[in-house]
Amino acid sequence: MNAKYIYLTVEQQEYLRDIVRKGEHNSHEVTRARVLLMLDRTGKSDHVRYKRVAEALEISVQAVYNMRDDYLEKQDILAYLTRKKRETPPVPPKVTGELEAKVIALACSEPPEGYARWTLRLLSSRVVELGYIDSISYGTVRNILKKRNISLI
């Protein structure tokens, strides 16, 4: 028996067919279930070619290979069908609660000498000058103030 072939039990086949039929799962899970069902060699004399699977499901051939390898690695249908939740966001947020508090405190303070009031551009440049953050756009400062319903007028 070659390690690159998929053999499913009757229970696994029924479980996957239910996923495909019922429409209660997201499209990612349904596609992965359909790939497994098409690649299953249990009781078949001939197998479906990877290119045909890809064409039938309108995905790339490489995606079919990746899904096959993913299932063979996990050997668990539930782990295979569901995506793992990210532990951290792809990019950590630049603006933290601490920075928001500093921007709000600065906006509520007296404007610098020579200015009648704070402007968004003036606030963003002052936040960088004070070393609170490396760079920040005035639009981000506006969003911070808008979130807390603080007006500069």
C-alpha atoms as a PDB file:
ATOM      1  CA  MET A   1       0.000   0.000   0.000  1.00  0.00           C
ATOM      2  CA  ASN A   2       1.454   3.344  -1.071  1.00  0.00           C
ATOM      3  CA  ALA A   3       1.477   6.125   1.546  1.00  0.00           C
ATOM      4  CA  LYS A   4       0.145   8.644  -1.004  1.00  0.00           C
ATOM      5  CA  TYR A   5      -3.248   6.958  -1.340  1.00  0.00           C
ATOM      6  CA  ILE A   6      -6.299   7.803   0.727  1.00  0.00           C
ATOM      7  CA  TYR A   7      -8.510   5.041   2.087  1.00  0.00           C
ATOM      8  CA  LEU A   8     -11.594   6.125   4.034  1.00  0.00           C
ATOM      9  CA  THR A   9     -13.872   4.034   6.209  1.00  0.00           C
ATOM     10  CA  VAL A  10     -17.600   3.872   5.486  1.00  0.00           C
ATOM     11  CA  GLU A  11     -18.266   6.164   8.477  1.00  0.00           C
ATOM     12  CA  GLN A  12     -15.752   8.718   7.221  1.00  0.00           C
ATOM     13  CA  GLN A  13     -17.285   8.622   3.746  1.00  0.00           C
ATOM     14  CA  GLU A  14     -20.781   9.189   5.148  1.00  0.00           C
ATOM     15  CA  TYR A  15     -19.557  12.038   7.351  1.00  0.00           C
ATOM     16  CA  LEU A  16     -17.936  13.756   4.350  1.00  0.00           C
ATOM     17  CA  ARG A  17     -21.013  13.194   2.151  1.00  0.00           C
ATOM     18  CA  ASP A  18     -23.170  14.820   4.836  1.00  0.00           C
ATOM     19  CA  ILE A  19     -20.890  17.856   4.830  1.00  0.00           C
ATOM     20  CA  VAL A  20     -21.152  18.150   1.057  1.00  0.00           C
ATOM     21  CA  ARG A  21     -24.937  17.573   0.972  1.00  0.00           C
ATOM     22  CA  LYS A  22     -26.269  19.596   3.875  1.00  0.00           C
ATOM     23  CA  GLY A  23     -24.758  22.997   3.104  1.00  0.00           C
ATOM     24  CA  GLU A  24     -24.220  23.825   6.775  1.00  0.00           C
ATOM     25  CA  HIS A  25     -20.450  24.255   6.429  1.00  0.00           C
ATOM     26  CA  ASN A  26     -18.355  26.960   4.830  1.00  0.00           C
ATOM     27  CA  SER A  27     -17.112  26.526   1.272  1.00  0.00           C
ATOM     28  CA  HIS A  28     -13.559  25.797   2.428  1.00  0.00           C
ATOM     29  CA  GLU A  29     -14.717  22.744   4.388  1.00  0.00           C
ATOM     30  CA  VAL A  30     -17.015  21.547   1.604  1.00  0.00           C
ATOM     31  CA  THR A  31     -14.228  21.766  -0.983  1.00  0.00           C
ATOM     32  CA  ARG A  32     -11.819  19.864   1.259  1.00  0.00           C
ATOM     33  CA  ALA A  33     -14.482  17.198   1.899  1.00  0.00           C
ATOM     34  CA  ARG A  34     -15.139  16.837  -1.839  1.00  0.00           C
ATOM     35  CA  VAL A  35     -11.406  16.467  -2.539  1.00  0.00           C
ATOM     36  CA  LEU A  36     -11.152  13.671   0.031  1.00  0.00           C
ATOM     37  CA  LEU A  37     -14.171  11.880  -1.381  1.00  0.00           C
ATOM     38  CA  MET A  38     -12.816  12.081  -4.916  1.00  0.00           C
ATOM     39  CA  LEU A  39      -9.330  10.891  -3.901  1.00  0.00           C
ATOM     40  CA  ASP A  40     -10.661   8.012  -1.780  1.00  0.00           C
ATOM     41  CA  ARG A  41      -9.537   4.687  -3.282  1.00  0.00           C
ATOM     42  CA  THR A  42     -11.574   2.408  -1.018  1.00  0.00           C
ATOM     43  CA  GLY A  43     -13.230  -0.288  -3.121  1.00  0.00           C
ATOM     44  CA  LYS A  44     -12.261   1.342  -6.427  1.00  0.00           C
ATOM     45  CA  SER A  45     -10.322  -0.389  -9.168  1.00  0.00           C
ATOM     46  CA  ASP A  46      -9.324   2.887 -10.779  1.00  0.00           C
ATOM     47  CA  HIS A  47      -8.685   6.255  -9.216  1.00  0.00           C
ATOM     48  CA  VAL A  48      -9.561   9.802 -10.230  1.00  0.00           C
ATOM     49  CA  ARG A  49      -6.636  11.756 -11.597  1.00  0.00           C
ATOM     50  CA  TYR A  50      -5.533  14.838  -9.669  1.00  0.00           C
ATOM     51  CA  LYS A  51      -6.043  17.021 -12.729  1.00  0.00           C
ATOM     52  CA  ARG A  52      -9.661  15.865 -13.029  1.00  0.00           C
ATOM     53  CA  VAL A  53     -10.276  16.547  -9.345  1.00  0.00           C
ATOM     54  CA  ALA A  54      -8.851  20.054  -9.790  1.00  0.00           C
ATOM     55  CA  GLU A  55     -10.978  20.710 -12.867  1.00  0.00           C
ATOM     56  CA  ALA A  56     -14.149  19.358 -11.263  1.00  0.00           C
ATOM     57  CA  LEU A  57     -13.726  21.518  -8.158  1.00  0.00           C
ATOM     58  CA  GLU A  58     -12.242  24.499 -10.002  1.00  0.00           C
ATOM     59  CA  ILE A  59      -9.068  24.591  -7.924  1.00  0.00           C
ATOM     60  CA  SER A  60      -5.422  24.178  -8.861  1.00  0.00           C
ATOM     61  CA  VAL A  61      -3.757  20.792  -9.159  1.00  0.00           C
ATOM     62  CA  GLN A  62      -1.231  21.928  -6.542  1.00  0.00           C
ATOM     63  CA  ALA A  63      -4.088  22.629  -4.126  1.00  0.00           C
ATOM     64  CA  VAL A  64      -5.275  19.033  -4.583  1.00  0.00           C
ATOM     65  CA  TYR A  65      -1.781  17.727  -3.816  1.00  0.00           C
ATOM     66  CA  ASN A  66      -1.536  20.015  -0.779  1.00  0.00           C
ATOM     67  CA  MET A  67      -4.927  18.855   0.548  1.00  0.00           C
ATOM     68  CA  ARG A  68      -3.986  15.204   0.046  1.00  0.00           C
ATOM     69  CA  ASP A  69      -0.683  15.684   1.887  1.00  0.00           C
ATOM     70  CA  ASP A  70      -2.432  17.645   4.634  1.00  0.00           C
ATOM     71  CA  TYR A  71      -4.909  14.818   5.231  1.00  0.00           C
ATOM     72  CA  LEU A  72      -2.232  12.123   5.135  1.00  0.00           C
ATOM     73  CA  GLU A  73      -0.176  14.093   7.642  1.00  0.00           C
ATOM     74  CA  LYS A  74      -3.054  14.639  10.080  1.00  0.00           C
ATOM     75  CA  GLN A  75      -5.015  11.395   9.564  1.00  0.00           C
ATOM     76  CA  ASP A  76      -7.948  13.110  11.287  1.00  0.00           C
ATOM     77  CA  ILE A  77     -10.904  14.398   9.295  1.00  0.00           C
ATOM     78  CA  LEU A  78     -11.913  17.103  11.784  1.00  0.00           C
ATOM     79  CA  ALA A  79      -8.373  18.495  11.987  1.00  0.00           C
ATOM     80  CA  TYR A  80      -8.119  18.335   8.204  1.00  0.00           C
ATOM     81  CA  LEU A  81     -11.409  20.125   7.515  1.00  0.00           C
ATOM     82  CA  THR A  82     -11.067  23.009   9.958  1.00  0.00           C
ATOM     83  CA  ARG A  83      -8.458  25.694   9.796  1.00  0.00           C
ATOM     84  CA  LYS A  84      -6.321  26.379  12.802  1.00  0.00           C
ATOM     85  CA  LYS A  85      -7.057  29.751  14.387  1.00  0.00           C
ATOM     86  CA  ARG A  86      -4.206  32.220  14.341  1.00  0.00           C
ATOM     87  CA  GLU A  87      -2.669  32.811  17.721  1.00  0.00           C
ATOM     88  CA  THR A  88      -1.468  36.280  16.800  1.00  0.00           C
ATOM     89  CA  PRO A  89      -2.618  38.689  14.114  1.00  0.00           C
ATOM     90  CA  PRO A  90      -0.462  38.803  10.968  1.00  0.00           C
ATOM     91  CA  VAL A  91       0.847  42.238  11.929  1.00  0.00           C
ATOM     92  CA  PRO A  92       0.706  43.385  15.537  1.00  0.00           C
ATOM     93  CA  PRO A  93      -1.315  46.578  15.954  1.00  0.00           C
ATOM     94  CA  LYS A  94       0.787  49.713  15.903  1.00  0.00           C
ATOM     95  CA  VAL A  95      -1.633  51.683  18.039  1.00  0.00           C
ATOM     96  CA  THR A  96      -2.063  50.320  21.550  1.00  0.00           C
ATOM     97  CA  GLY A  97      -4.328  51.493  24.345  1.00  0.00           C
ATOM     98  CA  GLU A  98      -1.360  53.164  25.995  1.00  0.00           C
ATOM     99  CA  LEU A  99      -0.589  55.169  22.843  1.00  0.00           C
ATOM    100  CA  GLU A 100      -4.255  56.127  22.501  1.00  0.00           C
ATOM    101  CA  ALA A 101      -4.235  57.440  26.065  1.00  0.00           C
ATOM    102  CA  LYS A 102      -1.109  59.518  25.377  1.00  0.00           C
ATOM    103  CA  VAL A 103      -2.590  60.988  22.171  1.00  0.00           C
ATOM    104  CA  ILE A 104      -5.842  61.866  23.941  1.00  0.00           C
ATOM    105  CA  ALA A 105      -3.964  63.448  26.843  1.00  0.00           C
ATOM    106  CA  LEU A 106      -1.898  65.480  24.424  1.00  0.00           C
ATOM    107  CA  ALA A 107      -4.999  66.570  22.481  1.00  0.00           C
ATOM    108  CA  CYS A 108      -6.631  67.712  25.724  1.00  0.00           C
ATOM    109  CA  SER A 109      -3.586  69.702  26.803  1.00  0.00           C
ATOM    110  CA  GLU A 110      -2.727  73.274  25.824  1.00  0.00           C
ATOM    111  CA  PRO A 111      -1.559  73.650  22.220  1.00  0.00           C
ATOM    112  CA  PRO A 112       2.076  74.626  21.635  1.00  0.00           C
ATOM    113  CA  GLU A 113       3.065  78.281  21.670  1.00  0.00           C
ATOM    114  CA  GLY A 114       2.089  80.079  18.506  1.00  0.00           C
ATOM    115  CA  TYR A 115      -0.939  77.871  17.872  1.00  0.00           C
ATOM    116  CA  ALA A 116      -4.518  78.564  18.870  1.00  0.00           C
ATOM    117  CA  ARG A 117      -5.472  74.861  18.903  1.00  0.00           C
ATOM    118  CA  TRP A 118      -4.175  71.400  18.114  1.00  0.00           C
ATOM    119  CA  THR A 119      -4.444  70.159  14.531  1.00  0.00           C
ATOM    120  CA  LEU A 120      -4.288  66.524  13.503  1.00  0.00           C
ATOM    121  CA  ARG A 121      -0.975  67.051  11.703  1.00  0.00           C
ATOM    122  CA  LEU A 122       0.466  68.924  14.651  1.00  0.00           C
ATOM    123  CA  LEU A 123      -0.638  66.160  17.036  1.00  0.00           C
ATOM    124  CA  SER A 124       0.840  63.412  14.865  1.00  0.00           C
ATOM    125  CA  SER A 125       4.185  65.188  14.556  1.00  0.00           C
ATOM    126  CA  ARG A 126       4.285  65.918  18.324  1.00  0.00           C
ATOM    127  CA  VAL A 127       3.555  62.277  19.187  1.00  0.00           C
ATOM    128  CA  VAL A 128       6.539  61.238  17.056  1.00  0.00           C
ATOM    129  CA  GLU A 129       8.735  64.023  18.551  1.00  0.00           C
ATOM    130  CA  LEU A 130       7.932  62.851  22.061  1.00  0.00           C
ATOM    131  CA  GLY A 131       8.987  59.318  21.089  1.00  0.00           C
ATOM    132  CA  TYR A 132       5.658  57.649  21.764  1.00  0.00           C
ATOM    133  CA  ILE A 133       5.853  55.922  18.365  1.00  0.00           C
ATOM    134  CA  ASP A 134       8.209  55.878  15.368  1.00  0.00           C
ATOM    135  CA  SER A 135       5.648  57.192  12.902  1.00  0.00           C
ATOM    136  CA  ILE A 136       1.919  57.844  12.836  1.00  0.00           C
ATOM    137  CA  SER A 137      -0.308  59.442  10.242  1.00  0.00           C
ATOM    138  CA  TYR A 138      -2.683  62.245  11.032  1.00  0.00           C
ATOM    139  CA  GLY A 139      -5.485  59.961   9.820  1.00  0.00           C
ATOM    140  CA  THR A 140      -4.647  57.477  12.565  1.00  0.00           C
ATOM    141  CA  VAL A 141      -4.683  60.306  15.108  1.00  0.00           C
ATOM    142  CA  ARG A 142      -8.077  61.345  13.745  1.00  0.00           C
ATOM    143  CA  ASN A 143      -9.385  57.779  14.177  1.00  0.00           C
ATOM    144  CA  ILE A 144      -8.111  57.665  17.772  1.00  0.00           C
ATOM    145  CA  LEU A 145      -9.884  60.917  18.619  1.00  0.00           C
ATOM    146  CA  LYS A 146     -13.035  59.999  16.698  1.00  0.00           C
ATOM    147  CA  LYS A 147     -13.252  56.682  18.547  1.00  0.00           C
ATOM    148  CA  ARG A 148     -13.440  58.572  21.838  1.00  0.00           C
ATOM    149  CA  ASN A 149     -15.655  61.326  20.392  1.00  0.00           C
ATOM    150  CA  ILE A 150     -13.043  64.028  21.013  1.00  0.00           C
ATOM    151  CA  SER A 151     -13.147  67.132  18.843  1.00  0.00           C
ATOM    152  CA  LEU A 152     -10.216  69.499  18.291  1.00  0.00           C
ATOM    153  CA  ILE A 153     -12.467  72.506  17.612  1.00  0.00           C
END
